[in-house]
Structure formats: C-alpha cells, structure tokens
C-alpha cells in the first residue's frame, strides 16, 4: 500500500469514527469513559479497561490527561471529547484517535501507524520522530511539528495542517510528508535532509534555509498531495473550506541533495 493510499484510508476511517456514541438510558455504555479531573494514571487504566471490553471507546470530559491512546493497536479506536494532554497517541500502532477539540504537545510522538484526527488546533512537536501513519489537524499547530520525521521503504508518515504552523516546521526532517495549508513560521525545514513539505503559500526566498529548494509541485507530487488533501477534506467535511482541487498554487520544499549538509562535517 502506498503512503497516499494509506493516508486516504486512514482519513476515511477517522471520519467514520468521528461521531460520539450517545450513552443509553440508565448509565454509560460499555465503551464509554468519563475522565473529568482523574489523574492521568487512573485515567489511562480506565481507558485500557474499556478497550479490553470493546474496540471503540468514547472518552468524555478529557481534561489534560497525558498518554491517552499510547500504543493503541490496529482495530481499536478512541473518540475524545474535551482536551487530551501531552503525548496523545504516543507509539500509536495502527489504531485511530479522533479529538473533538484541541490537542496539546507531542501528539503522535514516535507513532508507528494509524491515524490521529484533531478537530481543533494542536500544540508543539506534533509527530515527533513519527515513522508511520497519519495526523490530520483542522486548525493551527505549534512549534516543531514533524521534527525528526522519518520513513523506510513504503512506510511514509504524513501530517496535514489546515491552519498556520509555528517556527521550525519539519526541523531535522529525514522523511515523510508534511502538508501546510496556512502560513509557516520562521526556520521552516531547518536541518531537513529528507522527505518533503508541501506549502499552499510559498515562503519568501530570504526565509529559505541553506540546503533547501522551494519549487512548484510537479506531476510526480499530484497523487500523494491529492490523496492527503482528500483525506483532510473528508475528515473535516462541513467544518473547514476544502483544501483539495487546484494544485497550481502549491509549492514543495525539499533538500537540495541526499546530503545537503555534508560539507559542514569533517570527513
């Protein structure tokens, strides 16, 4: 399966999972957990217990609890109402997480596969060291999204940001794909030596870091970029203007070579 096909399928799965399960009369459903002010350790124990009973769990009143969905495997899903804490979906391993609100820092930290969909904005370092799967964010992201992203053969992670990005987007990026519909902050692609960043709004040439090339997207980019934009549009249908369609204004930022910084080091 190509990265673009995986991303499109992940977006469809996340969109399908995106409606909260109503509680039946008389109490919470088996697949429903209300967190409130629970400590993050207790919160995660309760969520894991629910996931042991059913494959799809709705979390209500999330209140900054860390590590929700950590290492969630394929076939399992979390539908979160509220604001999950740092490291949402860290080491995600094929599951699907949908957040109806904002996320905090390091969502998708070192995630391996699966999908995280955020119907709001997200904090710093989203997708840190991400090596597979998809993150779709309707709004803005903080600093250092996609830092240390990597890929191996057909395993190619992707992050799509519908809003603006903070500074250092794609810092030290070694592989994968970032799509940004809004405006990037300063130092985009600093230390980037692999992968590609697709930009809806080109960056002023004076802001392009040494060792990088900004250029219009080519025909070879169309399948991947189209699939990613389609996944975003489907996940956030009715919430945001569609991003797909005409790609003529899109640019890509890529390393100038496989070793753009080789001259900086002793041989």
C-alpha atoms as a PDB file:
ATOM      1  CA  UNK A   1       0.000   0.000   0.000  1.00  0.00           C
ATOM      2  CA  UNK A   2       1.392   3.405  -0.882  1.00  0.00           C
ATOM      3  CA  UNK A   3       1.629   6.184   1.657  1.00  0.00           C
ATOM      4  CA  UNK A   4      -1.037   8.185  -0.193  1.00  0.00           C
ATOM      5  CA  UNK A   5      -3.480   5.282  -0.239  1.00  0.00           C
ATOM      6  CA  UNK A   6      -2.832   4.584   3.424  1.00  0.00           C
ATOM      7  CA  UNK A   7      -3.454   8.210   4.291  1.00  0.00           C
ATOM      8  CA  UNK A   8      -6.715   8.352   2.364  1.00  0.00           C
ATOM      9  CA  UNK A   9      -7.957   5.164   4.025  1.00  0.00           C
ATOM     10  CA  UNK A  10      -6.911   6.462   7.442  1.00  0.00           C
ATOM     11  CA  UNK A  11      -8.788   9.689   6.844  1.00  0.00           C
ATOM     12  CA  UNK A  12     -11.929   7.796   5.880  1.00  0.00           C
ATOM     13  CA  UNK A  13     -11.691   5.563   8.956  1.00  0.00           C
ATOM     14  CA  UNK A  14     -11.208   8.542  11.229  1.00  0.00           C
ATOM     15  CA  UNK A  15     -14.103  10.436   9.699  1.00  0.00           C
ATOM     16  CA  UNK A  16     -16.340   7.395  10.170  1.00  0.00           C
ATOM     17  CA  UNK A  17     -15.263   7.165  13.806  1.00  0.00           C
ATOM     18  CA  UNK A  18     -15.802  10.854  14.388  1.00  0.00           C
ATOM     19  CA  UNK A  19     -19.307  10.784  15.905  1.00  0.00           C
ATOM     20  CA  UNK A  20     -19.543  10.352  19.633  1.00  0.00           C
ATOM     21  CA  UNK A  21     -21.523   7.384  20.946  1.00  0.00           C
ATOM     22  CA  UNK A  22     -24.526   8.535  22.985  1.00  0.00           C
ATOM     23  CA  UNK A  23     -24.960   6.991  26.402  1.00  0.00           C
ATOM     24  CA  UNK A  24     -28.022   4.757  26.758  1.00  0.00           C
ATOM     25  CA  UNK A  25     -30.696   5.456  29.366  1.00  0.00           C
ATOM     26  CA  UNK A  26     -29.575   4.358  32.806  1.00  0.00           C
ATOM     27  CA  UNK A  27     -25.809   4.935  32.543  1.00  0.00           C
ATOM     28  CA  UNK A  28     -22.675   4.939  30.427  1.00  0.00           C
ATOM     29  CA  UNK A  29     -22.152   2.471  27.624  1.00  0.00           C
ATOM     30  CA  UNK A  30     -19.520  -0.283  27.971  1.00  0.00           C
ATOM     31  CA  UNK A  31     -17.341   1.642  25.550  1.00  0.00           C
ATOM     32  CA  UNK A  32     -17.607   4.986  27.329  1.00  0.00           C
ATOM     33  CA  UNK A  33     -15.327   6.579  29.936  1.00  0.00           C
ATOM     34  CA  UNK A  34     -15.744   9.971  31.634  1.00  0.00           C
ATOM     35  CA  UNK A  35     -12.429  11.330  32.918  1.00  0.00           C
ATOM     36  CA  UNK A  36     -13.129  14.724  34.474  1.00  0.00           C
ATOM     37  CA  UNK A  37     -10.308  15.524  36.914  1.00  0.00           C
ATOM     38  CA  UNK A  38      -8.962  11.965  37.150  1.00  0.00           C
ATOM     39  CA  UNK A  39      -5.169  11.653  37.489  1.00  0.00           C
ATOM     40  CA  UNK A  40      -3.555  10.577  34.235  1.00  0.00           C
ATOM     41  CA  UNK A  41      -2.561   7.158  35.608  1.00  0.00           C
ATOM     42  CA  UNK A  42      -6.099   6.385  36.762  1.00  0.00           C
ATOM     43  CA  UNK A  43      -7.496   7.794  33.507  1.00  0.00           C
ATOM     44  CA  UNK A  44      -5.334   5.534  31.379  1.00  0.00           C
ATOM     45  CA  UNK A  45      -6.170   2.484  33.492  1.00  0.00           C
ATOM     46  CA  UNK A  46      -9.870   3.139  32.954  1.00  0.00           C
ATOM     47  CA  UNK A  47      -9.426   3.663  29.216  1.00  0.00           C
ATOM     48  CA  UNK A  48      -7.360   0.479  28.854  1.00  0.00           C
ATOM     49  CA  UNK A  49     -10.004  -1.476  30.800  1.00  0.00           C
ATOM     50  CA  UNK A  50     -12.704  -0.194  28.433  1.00  0.00           C
ATOM     51  CA  UNK A  51     -10.610  -1.087  25.384  1.00  0.00           C
ATOM     52  CA  UNK A  52     -10.215  -4.616  26.721  1.00  0.00           C
ATOM     53  CA  UNK A  53     -14.009  -4.964  26.569  1.00  0.00           C
ATOM     54  CA  UNK A  54     -14.766  -3.225  23.251  1.00  0.00           C
ATOM     55  CA  UNK A  55     -12.864  -1.979  20.208  1.00  0.00           C
ATOM     56  CA  UNK A  56     -14.316   1.563  20.084  1.00  0.00           C
ATOM     57  CA  UNK A  57     -14.262   3.750  23.202  1.00  0.00           C
ATOM     58  CA  UNK A  58     -15.678   7.256  23.668  1.00  0.00           C
ATOM     59  CA  UNK A  59     -13.837   9.404  26.211  1.00  0.00           C
ATOM     60  CA  UNK A  60     -15.910  12.226  27.668  1.00  0.00           C
ATOM     61  CA  UNK A  61     -14.678  15.278  29.580  1.00  0.00           C
ATOM     62  CA  UNK A  62     -10.974  14.717  28.868  1.00  0.00           C
ATOM     63  CA  UNK A  63      -9.056  17.241  30.939  1.00  0.00           C
ATOM     64  CA  UNK A  64      -5.342  17.283  30.004  1.00  0.00           C
ATOM     65  CA  UNK A  65      -4.685  13.643  30.912  1.00  0.00           C
ATOM     66  CA  UNK A  66      -1.413  12.511  29.326  1.00  0.00           C
ATOM     67  CA  UNK A  67      -0.666   9.425  27.225  1.00  0.00           C
ATOM     68  CA  UNK A  68      -4.228   8.664  26.115  1.00  0.00           C
ATOM     69  CA  UNK A  69      -4.131   6.077  23.339  1.00  0.00           C
ATOM     70  CA  UNK A  70      -0.492   5.210  23.927  1.00  0.00           C
ATOM     71  CA  UNK A  71       0.477   2.269  21.629  1.00  0.00           C
ATOM     72  CA  UNK A  72      -3.172   1.830  20.557  1.00  0.00           C
ATOM     73  CA  UNK A  73      -3.183  -1.131  18.141  1.00  0.00           C
ATOM     74  CA  UNK A  74      -4.958  -1.633  14.844  1.00  0.00           C
ATOM     75  CA  UNK A  75      -8.675  -2.311  15.191  1.00  0.00           C
ATOM     76  CA  UNK A  76      -9.041  -0.099  18.286  1.00  0.00           C
ATOM     77  CA  UNK A  77     -10.307   3.497  18.323  1.00  0.00           C
ATOM     78  CA  UNK A  78     -10.752   6.399  20.739  1.00  0.00           C
ATOM     79  CA  UNK A  79     -13.269   9.196  20.253  1.00  0.00           C
ATOM     80  CA  UNK A  80     -12.259  12.009  22.628  1.00  0.00           C
ATOM     81  CA  UNK A  81     -14.460  14.892  23.757  1.00  0.00           C
ATOM     82  CA  UNK A  82     -12.503  17.520  25.656  1.00  0.00           C
ATOM     83  CA  UNK A  83      -8.798  18.326  25.671  1.00  0.00           C
ATOM     84  CA  UNK A  84      -6.368  15.408  25.939  1.00  0.00           C
ATOM     85  CA  UNK A  85      -2.942  16.078  27.443  1.00  0.00           C
ATOM     86  CA  UNK A  86       0.605  15.698  26.136  1.00  0.00           C
ATOM     87  CA  UNK A  87       1.768  12.642  24.198  1.00  0.00           C
ATOM     88  CA  UNK A  88      -1.662  11.752  22.845  1.00  0.00           C
ATOM     89  CA  UNK A  89      -1.286   8.578  20.792  1.00  0.00           C
ATOM     90  CA  UNK A  90       2.423   8.205  21.505  1.00  0.00           C
ATOM     91  CA  UNK A  91       3.753   4.995  19.887  1.00  0.00           C
ATOM     92  CA  UNK A  92       0.376   4.618  18.148  1.00  0.00           C
ATOM     93  CA  UNK A  93       0.465   1.250  16.384  1.00  0.00           C
ATOM     94  CA  UNK A  94      -2.440   1.184  13.951  1.00  0.00           C
ATOM     95  CA  UNK A  95      -5.369   2.494  15.975  1.00  0.00           C
ATOM     96  CA  UNK A  96      -7.484   5.577  15.276  1.00  0.00           C
ATOM     97  CA  UNK A  97      -7.886   8.568  17.598  1.00  0.00           C
ATOM     98  CA  UNK A  98     -10.345  11.397  16.926  1.00  0.00           C
ATOM     99  CA  UNK A  99     -10.289  14.524  19.108  1.00  0.00           C
ATOM    100  CA  UNK A 100     -13.323  16.833  19.150  1.00  0.00           C
ATOM    101  CA  UNK A 101     -11.420  19.855  20.400  1.00  0.00           C
ATOM    102  CA  UNK A 102      -7.784  20.886  20.776  1.00  0.00           C
ATOM    103  CA  UNK A 103      -4.729  18.749  21.428  1.00  0.00           C
ATOM    104  CA  UNK A 104      -1.651  19.600  23.473  1.00  0.00           C
ATOM    105  CA  UNK A 105       2.054  18.908  22.879  1.00  0.00           C
ATOM    106  CA  UNK A 106       3.743  15.919  21.240  1.00  0.00           C
ATOM    107  CA  UNK A 107       0.658  14.255  19.796  1.00  0.00           C
ATOM    108  CA  UNK A 108       1.744  11.221  17.801  1.00  0.00           C
ATOM    109  CA  UNK A 109       5.153  11.077  19.481  1.00  0.00           C
ATOM    110  CA  UNK A 110       7.080   8.262  17.724  1.00  0.00           C
ATOM    111  CA  UNK A 111       3.836   6.862  16.286  1.00  0.00           C
ATOM    112  CA  UNK A 112       4.282   3.812  14.067  1.00  0.00           C
ATOM    113  CA  UNK A 113       0.952   3.510  12.237  1.00  0.00           C
ATOM    114  CA  UNK A 114      -2.706   4.542  12.390  1.00  0.00           C
ATOM    115  CA  UNK A 115      -4.424   7.937  12.398  1.00  0.00           C
ATOM    116  CA  UNK A 116      -4.882  10.913  14.721  1.00  0.00           C
ATOM    117  CA  UNK A 117      -7.549  13.444  13.715  1.00  0.00           C
ATOM    118  CA  UNK A 118      -7.883  16.716  15.650  1.00  0.00           C
ATOM    119  CA  UNK A 119     -10.959  18.898  15.066  1.00  0.00           C
ATOM    120  CA  UNK A 120      -9.194  21.938  16.526  1.00  0.00           C
ATOM    121  CA  UNK A 121      -5.604  23.067  16.907  1.00  0.00           C
ATOM    122  CA  UNK A 122      -2.616  21.243  18.319  1.00  0.00           C
ATOM    123  CA  UNK A 123       0.426  22.159  20.412  1.00  0.00           C
ATOM    124  CA  UNK A 124       4.177  21.829  19.878  1.00  0.00           C
ATOM    125  CA  UNK A 125       6.173  18.931  18.429  1.00  0.00           C
ATOM    126  CA  UNK A 126       3.252  17.070  16.835  1.00  0.00           C
ATOM    127  CA  UNK A 127       4.522  13.917  15.157  1.00  0.00           C
ATOM    128  CA  UNK A 128       7.888  13.983  16.939  1.00  0.00           C
ATOM    129  CA  UNK A 129      10.055  11.203  15.404  1.00  0.00           C
ATOM    130  CA  UNK A 130       6.923   9.923  13.631  1.00  0.00           C
ATOM    131  CA  UNK A 131       7.704   6.884  11.463  1.00  0.00           C
ATOM    132  CA  UNK A 132       4.310   5.883  10.079  1.00  0.00           C
ATOM    133  CA  UNK A 133       0.609   6.717   9.952  1.00  0.00           C
ATOM    134  CA  UNK A 134      -1.258   9.984   9.540  1.00  0.00           C
ATOM    135  CA  UNK A 135      -2.024  13.090  11.603  1.00  0.00           C
ATOM    136  CA  UNK A 136      -4.777  15.426  10.354  1.00  0.00           C
ATOM    137  CA  UNK A 137      -5.261  18.763  12.146  1.00  0.00           C
ATOM    138  CA  UNK A 138      -8.073  21.121  11.182  1.00  0.00           C
ATOM    139  CA  UNK A 139      -6.527  24.231  12.756  1.00  0.00           C
ATOM    140  CA  UNK A 140      -3.075  25.542  13.630  1.00  0.00           C
ATOM    141  CA  UNK A 141      -0.088  23.745  15.104  1.00  0.00           C
ATOM    142  CA  UNK A 142       2.629  24.958  17.449  1.00  0.00           C
ATOM    143  CA  UNK A 143       6.385  24.872  17.044  1.00  0.00           C
ATOM    144  CA  UNK A 144       8.449  21.993  15.664  1.00  0.00           C
ATOM    145  CA  UNK A 145       5.675  19.923  14.071  1.00  0.00           C
ATOM    146  CA  UNK A 146       7.192  16.950  12.292  1.00  0.00           C
ATOM    147  CA  UNK A 147      10.590  17.250  13.974  1.00  0.00           C
ATOM    148  CA  UNK A 148      12.739  14.183  13.211  1.00  0.00           C
ATOM    149  CA  UNK A 149      10.069  12.562  10.999  1.00  0.00           C
ATOM    150  CA  UNK A 150      11.455   9.590   9.087  1.00  0.00           C
ATOM    151  CA  UNK A 151      10.439   6.942   6.562  1.00  0.00           C
ATOM    152  CA  UNK A 152      11.534   3.500   5.443  1.00  0.00           C
ATOM    153  CA  UNK A 153      10.617   1.972   2.064  1.00  0.00           C
ATOM    154  CA  UNK A 154       6.806   2.155   1.703  1.00  0.00           C
ATOM    155  CA  UNK A 155       6.288   3.255   5.315  1.00  0.00           C
ATOM    156  CA  UNK A 156       5.885   7.006   4.885  1.00  0.00           C
ATOM    157  CA  UNK A 157       4.221   9.111   7.614  1.00  0.00           C
ATOM    158  CA  UNK A 158       2.146  12.202   6.850  1.00  0.00           C
ATOM    159  CA  UNK A 159       0.964  15.302   8.723  1.00  0.00           C
ATOM    160  CA  UNK A 160      -1.666  17.650   7.270  1.00  0.00           C
ATOM    161  CA  UNK A 161      -2.179  21.022   8.969  1.00  0.00           C
ATOM    162  CA  UNK A 162      -5.175  23.085   7.870  1.00  0.00           C
ATOM    163  CA  UNK A 163      -4.059  26.300   9.588  1.00  0.00           C
ATOM    164  CA  UNK A 164      -0.760  28.032  10.340  1.00  0.00           C
ATOM    165  CA  UNK A 165       2.392  26.459  11.770  1.00  0.00           C
ATOM    166  CA  UNK A 166       4.781  27.754  14.401  1.00  0.00           C
ATOM    167  CA  UNK A 167       8.519  28.045  13.897  1.00  0.00           C
ATOM    168  CA  UNK A 168      10.798  25.150  12.936  1.00  0.00           C
ATOM    169  CA  UNK A 169       8.188  23.166  10.994  1.00  0.00           C
ATOM    170  CA  UNK A 170       9.875  19.969   9.769  1.00  0.00           C
ATOM    171  CA  UNK A 171      13.060  20.551  11.766  1.00  0.00           C
ATOM    172  CA  UNK A 172      15.661  17.789  11.133  1.00  0.00           C
ATOM    173  CA  UNK A 173      13.090  16.020   8.955  1.00  0.00           C
ATOM    174  CA  UNK A 174      14.549  12.807   7.495  1.00  0.00           C
ATOM    175  CA  UNK A 175      11.490  11.509   5.618  1.00  0.00           C
ATOM    176  CA  UNK A 176       7.729  11.595   5.340  1.00  0.00           C
ATOM    177  CA  UNK A 177       5.333  14.295   4.171  1.00  0.00           C
ATOM    178  CA  UNK A 178       4.056  17.497   5.758  1.00  0.00           C
ATOM    179  CA  UNK A 179       1.224  19.460   4.129  1.00  0.00           C
ATOM    180  CA  UNK A 180       0.601  23.002   5.356  1.00  0.00           C
ATOM    181  CA  UNK A 181      -2.420  24.970   4.136  1.00  0.00           C
ATOM    182  CA  UNK A 182      -1.656  28.071   6.195  1.00  0.00           C
ATOM    183  CA  UNK A 183       1.492  30.104   6.728  1.00  0.00           C
ATOM    184  CA  UNK A 184       4.679  28.637   8.204  1.00  0.00           C
ATOM    185  CA  UNK A 185       6.638  30.335  10.968  1.00  0.00           C
ATOM    186  CA  UNK A 186      10.350  31.081  10.818  1.00  0.00           C
ATOM    187  CA  UNK A 187      13.074  28.496  10.182  1.00  0.00           C
ATOM    188  CA  UNK A 188      10.860  26.074   8.263  1.00  0.00           C
ATOM    189  CA  UNK A 189      12.809  22.933   7.358  1.00  0.00           C
ATOM    190  CA  UNK A 190      15.870  23.731   9.468  1.00  0.00           C
ATOM    191  CA  UNK A 191      18.263  20.774   9.211  1.00  0.00           C
ATOM    192  CA  UNK A 192      15.905  18.948   6.845  1.00  0.00           C
ATOM    193  CA  UNK A 193      17.664  16.167   4.925  1.00  0.00           C
ATOM    194  CA  UNK A 194      14.794  14.000   3.683  1.00  0.00           C
ATOM    195  CA  UNK A 195      11.067  13.990   2.956  1.00  0.00           C
ATOM    196  CA  UNK A 196       9.010  16.854   1.532  1.00  0.00           C
ATOM    197  CA  UNK A 197       6.949  19.772   2.854  1.00  0.00           C
ATOM    198  CA  UNK A 198       4.044  20.924   0.668  1.00  0.00           C
ATOM    199  CA  UNK A 199       3.148  24.593   1.129  1.00  0.00           C
ATOM    200  CA  UNK A 200      -0.062  26.221  -0.056  1.00  0.00           C
ATOM    201  CA  UNK A 201       1.643  29.612   0.326  1.00  0.00           C
ATOM    202  CA  UNK A 202       5.214  29.895  -0.870  1.00  0.00           C
ATOM    203  CA  UNK A 203       7.882  31.138   1.523  1.00  0.00           C
ATOM    204  CA  UNK A 204       9.835  34.311   0.775  1.00  0.00           C
ATOM    205  CA  UNK A 205      13.202  33.246  -0.738  1.00  0.00           C
ATOM    206  CA  UNK A 206      15.047  35.121   2.008  1.00  0.00           C
ATOM    207  CA  UNK A 207      13.463  32.759   4.542  1.00  0.00           C
ATOM    208  CA  UNK A 208      14.502  29.526   2.787  1.00  0.00           C
ATOM    209  CA  UNK A 209      17.212  27.829   4.817  1.00  0.00           C
ATOM    210  CA  UNK A 210      20.515  26.849   3.221  1.00  0.00           C
ATOM    211  CA  UNK A 211      20.447  23.352   1.740  1.00  0.00           C
ATOM    212  CA  UNK A 212      16.757  23.522   0.764  1.00  0.00           C
ATOM    213  CA  UNK A 213      14.940  24.122  -2.517  1.00  0.00           C
ATOM    214  CA  UNK A 214      11.451  25.590  -2.906  1.00  0.00           C
ATOM    215  CA  UNK A 215       9.725  24.882  -6.215  1.00  0.00           C
ATOM    216  CA  UNK A 216       6.219  24.424  -7.656  1.00  0.00           C
ATOM    217  CA  UNK A 217       4.764  20.944  -7.225  1.00  0.00           C
ATOM    218  CA  UNK A 218       5.329  18.605 -10.161  1.00  0.00           C
ATOM    219  CA  UNK A 219       3.281  15.857 -11.732  1.00  0.00           C
ATOM    220  CA  UNK A 220       5.010  13.319  -9.506  1.00  0.00           C
ATOM    221  CA  UNK A 221       3.572  15.095  -6.460  1.00  0.00           C
ATOM    222  CA  UNK A 222      -0.055  15.026  -7.603  1.00  0.00           C
ATOM    223  CA  UNK A 223      -1.097  11.508  -6.400  1.00  0.00           C
ATOM    224  CA  UNK A 224       0.317  11.943  -2.901  1.00  0.00           C
ATOM    225  CA  UNK A 225      -0.808  15.536  -2.389  1.00  0.00           C
ATOM    226  CA  UNK A 226      -4.276  14.883  -3.810  1.00  0.00           C
ATOM    227  CA  UNK A 227      -4.834  11.863  -1.563  1.00  0.00           C
ATOM    228  CA  UNK A 228      -3.718  13.799   1.522  1.00  0.00           C
ATOM    229  CA  UNK A 229      -5.941  16.774   0.744  1.00  0.00           C
ATOM    230  CA  UNK A 230      -8.882  14.464   0.031  1.00  0.00           C
ATOM    231  CA  UNK A 231      -8.347  12.775   3.405  1.00  0.00           C
ATOM    232  CA  UNK A 232      -8.363  16.163   5.140  1.00  0.00           C
ATOM    233  CA  UNK A 233     -11.491  17.303   3.292  1.00  0.00           C
ATOM    234  CA  UNK A 234     -13.357  14.132   4.184  1.00  0.00           C
ATOM    235  CA  UNK A 235     -12.304  14.153   7.842  1.00  0.00           C
ATOM    236  CA  UNK A 236     -13.406  17.773   8.326  1.00  0.00           C
ATOM    237  CA  UNK A 237     -16.310  17.965   5.902  1.00  0.00           C
ATOM    238  CA  UNK A 238     -18.595  20.869   6.817  1.00  0.00           C
ATOM    239  CA  UNK A 239     -16.106  22.360   9.300  1.00  0.00           C
ATOM    240  CA  UNK A 240     -13.468  23.886   7.007  1.00  0.00           C
ATOM    241  CA  UNK A 241     -13.246  25.043   3.389  1.00  0.00           C
ATOM    242  CA  UNK A 242     -11.938  22.174   1.241  1.00  0.00           C
ATOM    243  CA  UNK A 243      -8.217  22.145   0.500  1.00  0.00           C
ATOM    244  CA  UNK A 244      -8.286  19.798  -2.484  1.00  0.00           C
ATOM    245  CA  UNK A 245      -8.766  20.736  -6.114  1.00  0.00           C
ATOM    246  CA  UNK A 246      -6.475  23.137  -7.960  1.00  0.00           C
ATOM    247  CA  UNK A 247      -2.836  22.433  -7.042  1.00  0.00           C
ATOM    248  CA  UNK A 248      -1.321  25.182  -9.193  1.00  0.00           C
ATOM    249  CA  UNK A 249      -0.546  27.440  -6.218  1.00  0.00           C
ATOM    250  CA  UNK A 250       1.136  24.736  -4.127  1.00  0.00           C
ATOM    251  CA  UNK A 251       4.913  24.548  -3.689  1.00  0.00           C
ATOM    252  CA  UNK A 252       7.198  21.919  -2.250  1.00  0.00           C
ATOM    253  CA  UNK A 253      10.198  22.356  -0.001  1.00  0.00           C
ATOM    254  CA  UNK A 254      12.831  19.648  -0.255  1.00  0.00           C
ATOM    255  CA  UNK A 255      16.516  19.072   0.485  1.00  0.00           C
ATOM    256  CA  UNK A 256      18.868  20.094  -2.324  1.00  0.00           C
ATOM    257  CA  UNK A 257      20.549  16.660  -2.154  1.00  0.00           C
ATOM    258  CA  UNK A 258      20.647  13.497  -0.088  1.00  0.00           C
ATOM    259  CA  UNK A 259      23.449  15.077   1.987  1.00  0.00           C
ATOM    260  CA  UNK A 260      22.722  18.830   1.923  1.00  0.00           C
ATOM    261  CA  UNK A 261      24.886  19.471   4.980  1.00  0.00           C
ATOM    262  CA  UNK A 262      27.749  17.105   4.209  1.00  0.00           C
ATOM    263  CA  UNK A 263      30.183  19.995   3.773  1.00  0.00           C
ATOM    264  CA  UNK A 264      29.657  21.090   7.373  1.00  0.00           C
ATOM    265  CA  UNK A 265      31.326  17.995   8.826  1.00  0.00           C
ATOM    266  CA  UNK A 266      34.851  16.556   8.734  1.00  0.00           C
ATOM    267  CA  UNK A 267      35.399  13.502   6.541  1.00  0.00           C
END
